[in-house]
Amino acid sequence: MSKAFIARVIQESAEITGVAAQHTANELIAAIVGELKRNGKFTLPNFGTFTVRKTKARKALNPRTGEPIRVKAGKTVRFKAAPALKKLV
């Protein structure tokens, strides 16, 4: 799925222009990202939940050279599908 796909679905269902649909898709994605930054969690009923998780610093291997490297601590987004979505798929 891409942002263009989301914009096209919005455009067809709301019968608006492509520019307005693209703007709406951008605002939707920005709202989701903002909610994840503020609360660390975003839930779409009957679809699933996105959560922000912290990752620890760790040692890894460079796949090209096999040389050990350090990976910094960071954050990642996880998704857990809702039971309703699991049934439909």
C-alpha atoms as a PDB file:
ATOM      1  CA  MET A   1       0.000   0.000   0.000  1.00  0.00           C
ATOM      2  CA  SER A   2       1.262   3.453  -0.821  1.00  0.00           C
ATOM      3  CA  LYS A   3       0.245   7.010  -0.052  1.00  0.00           C
ATOM      4  CA  ALA A   4      -0.974   7.305  -3.662  1.00  0.00           C
ATOM      5  CA  PHE A   5      -3.253   4.285  -3.143  1.00  0.00           C
ATOM      6  CA  ILE A   6      -4.726   5.846   0.007  1.00  0.00           C
ATOM      7  CA  ALA A   7      -5.256   9.147  -1.829  1.00  0.00           C
ATOM      8  CA  ARG A   8      -6.976   7.356  -4.721  1.00  0.00           C
ATOM      9  CA  VAL A   9      -9.355   5.523  -2.354  1.00  0.00           C
ATOM     10  CA  ILE A  10     -10.176   8.808  -0.583  1.00  0.00           C
ATOM     11  CA  GLN A  11     -10.710  10.553  -3.922  1.00  0.00           C
ATOM     12  CA  GLU A  12     -13.083   7.871  -5.218  1.00  0.00           C
ATOM     13  CA  SER A  13     -15.087   7.458  -2.027  1.00  0.00           C
ATOM     14  CA  ALA A  14     -15.437  11.173  -1.202  1.00  0.00           C
ATOM     15  CA  GLU A  15     -15.690  12.311  -4.833  1.00  0.00           C
ATOM     16  CA  ILE A  16     -13.092  15.059  -4.386  1.00  0.00           C
ATOM     17  CA  THR A  17     -10.172  16.235  -6.524  1.00  0.00           C
ATOM     18  CA  GLY A  18      -6.875  14.413  -6.606  1.00  0.00           C
ATOM     19  CA  VAL A  19      -5.073  17.329  -4.959  1.00  0.00           C
ATOM     20  CA  ALA A  20      -7.570  17.423  -2.083  1.00  0.00           C
ATOM     21  CA  ALA A  21      -7.335  13.645  -1.677  1.00  0.00           C
ATOM     22  CA  GLN A  22      -3.519  13.811  -1.606  1.00  0.00           C
ATOM     23  CA  HIS A  23      -3.682  16.566   1.021  1.00  0.00           C
ATOM     24  CA  THR A  24      -6.104  14.481   3.095  1.00  0.00           C
ATOM     25  CA  ALA A  25      -3.864  11.393   2.869  1.00  0.00           C
ATOM     26  CA  ASN A  26      -0.856  13.464   3.985  1.00  0.00           C
ATOM     27  CA  GLU A  27      -2.811  14.892   6.925  1.00  0.00           C
ATOM     28  CA  LEU A  28      -4.034  11.424   7.931  1.00  0.00           C
ATOM     29  CA  ILE A  29      -0.509  10.015   7.982  1.00  0.00           C
ATOM     30  CA  ALA A  30       0.801  13.068   9.839  1.00  0.00           C
ATOM     31  CA  ALA A  31      -1.935  12.661  12.468  1.00  0.00           C
ATOM     32  CA  ILE A  32      -1.021   8.993  12.987  1.00  0.00           C
ATOM     33  CA  VAL A  33       2.685   9.834  13.323  1.00  0.00           C
ATOM     34  CA  GLY A  34       1.874  12.670  15.735  1.00  0.00           C
ATOM     35  CA  GLU A  35      -0.212  10.357  17.893  1.00  0.00           C
ATOM     36  CA  LEU A  36       2.592   7.784  17.968  1.00  0.00           C
ATOM     37  CA  LYS A  37       5.057  10.484  19.056  1.00  0.00           C
ATOM     38  CA  ARG A  38       2.748  11.799  21.794  1.00  0.00           C
ATOM     39  CA  ASN A  39       1.306   8.599  23.238  1.00  0.00           C
ATOM     40  CA  GLY A  40       3.477   5.836  21.827  1.00  0.00           C
ATOM     41  CA  LYS A  41       0.343   4.039  20.647  1.00  0.00           C
ATOM     42  CA  PHE A  42      -2.295   4.350  17.924  1.00  0.00           C
ATOM     43  CA  THR A  43      -5.323   2.076  17.564  1.00  0.00           C
ATOM     44  CA  LEU A  44      -7.646   1.705  14.594  1.00  0.00           C
ATOM     45  CA  PRO A  45     -10.725  -0.247  15.737  1.00  0.00           C
ATOM     46  CA  ASN A  46     -11.234  -3.540  13.882  1.00  0.00           C
ATOM     47  CA  PHE A  47      -7.823  -3.087  12.216  1.00  0.00           C
ATOM     48  CA  GLY A  48      -5.061  -3.123  14.812  1.00  0.00           C
ATOM     49  CA  THR A  49      -2.698  -1.246  17.081  1.00  0.00           C
ATOM     50  CA  PHE A  50       0.605   0.439  16.305  1.00  0.00           C
ATOM     51  CA  THR A  51       2.987   0.775  19.284  1.00  0.00           C
ATOM     52  CA  VAL A  52       6.407   2.360  19.654  1.00  0.00           C
ATOM     53  CA  ARG A  53       9.002   0.078  21.242  1.00  0.00           C
ATOM     54  CA  LYS A  54      12.509   0.915  22.389  1.00  0.00           C
ATOM     55  CA  THR A  55      15.357  -1.245  21.129  1.00  0.00           C
ATOM     56  CA  LYS A  56      18.534  -1.824  23.123  1.00  0.00           C
ATOM     57  CA  ALA A  57      22.032  -1.185  21.866  1.00  0.00           C
ATOM     58  CA  ARG A  58      23.581  -4.397  20.624  1.00  0.00           C
ATOM     59  CA  LYS A  59      26.456  -5.956  18.758  1.00  0.00           C
ATOM     60  CA  ALA A  60      25.916  -7.161  15.199  1.00  0.00           C
ATOM     61  CA  LEU A  61      27.965  -8.384  12.256  1.00  0.00           C
ATOM     62  CA  ASN A  62      28.541  -6.491   9.041  1.00  0.00           C
ATOM     63  CA  PRO A  63      27.137  -8.933   6.457  1.00  0.00           C
ATOM     64  CA  ARG A  64      29.695  -7.889   3.835  1.00  0.00           C
ATOM     65  CA  THR A  65      32.852  -8.154   5.895  1.00  0.00           C
ATOM     66  CA  GLY A  66      31.782 -10.217   8.906  1.00  0.00           C
ATOM     67  CA  GLU A  67      33.269  -7.495  11.101  1.00  0.00           C
ATOM     68  CA  PRO A  68      31.506  -6.855  14.448  1.00  0.00           C
ATOM     69  CA  ILE A  69      29.799  -3.461  14.773  1.00  0.00           C
ATOM     70  CA  ARG A  70      27.767  -1.686  17.472  1.00  0.00           C
ATOM     71  CA  VAL A  71      24.148  -0.817  16.756  1.00  0.00           C
ATOM     72  CA  LYS A  72      22.792   2.152  18.719  1.00  0.00           C
ATOM     73  CA  ALA A  73      19.652   1.993  20.840  1.00  0.00           C
ATOM     74  CA  GLY A  74      16.593   3.329  19.052  1.00  0.00           C
ATOM     75  CA  LYS A  75      12.876   3.033  18.532  1.00  0.00           C
ATOM     76  CA  THR A  76      10.747   0.917  16.220  1.00  0.00           C
ATOM     77  CA  VAL A  77       7.042   0.685  15.464  1.00  0.00           C
ATOM     78  CA  ARG A  78       5.251  -2.615  15.974  1.00  0.00           C
ATOM     79  CA  PHE A  79       1.831  -3.591  14.672  1.00  0.00           C
ATOM     80  CA  LYS A  80      -0.608  -6.056  16.221  1.00  0.00           C
ATOM     81  CA  ALA A  81      -3.600  -6.997  14.112  1.00  0.00           C
ATOM     82  CA  ALA A  82      -7.068  -6.895  15.685  1.00  0.00           C
ATOM     83  CA  PRO A  83      -9.018 -10.170  15.901  1.00  0.00           C
ATOM     84  CA  ALA A  84     -11.568  -8.808  13.398  1.00  0.00           C
ATOM     85  CA  LEU A  85      -8.812  -8.210  10.839  1.00  0.00           C
ATOM     86  CA  LYS A  86      -7.355 -11.675  11.414  1.00  0.00           C
ATOM     87  CA  LYS A  87     -10.757 -13.214  10.716  1.00  0.00           C
ATOM     88  CA  LEU A  88     -11.160 -11.292   7.460  1.00  0.00           C
ATOM     89  CA  VAL A  89      -7.714 -12.135   6.143  1.00  0.00           C
END
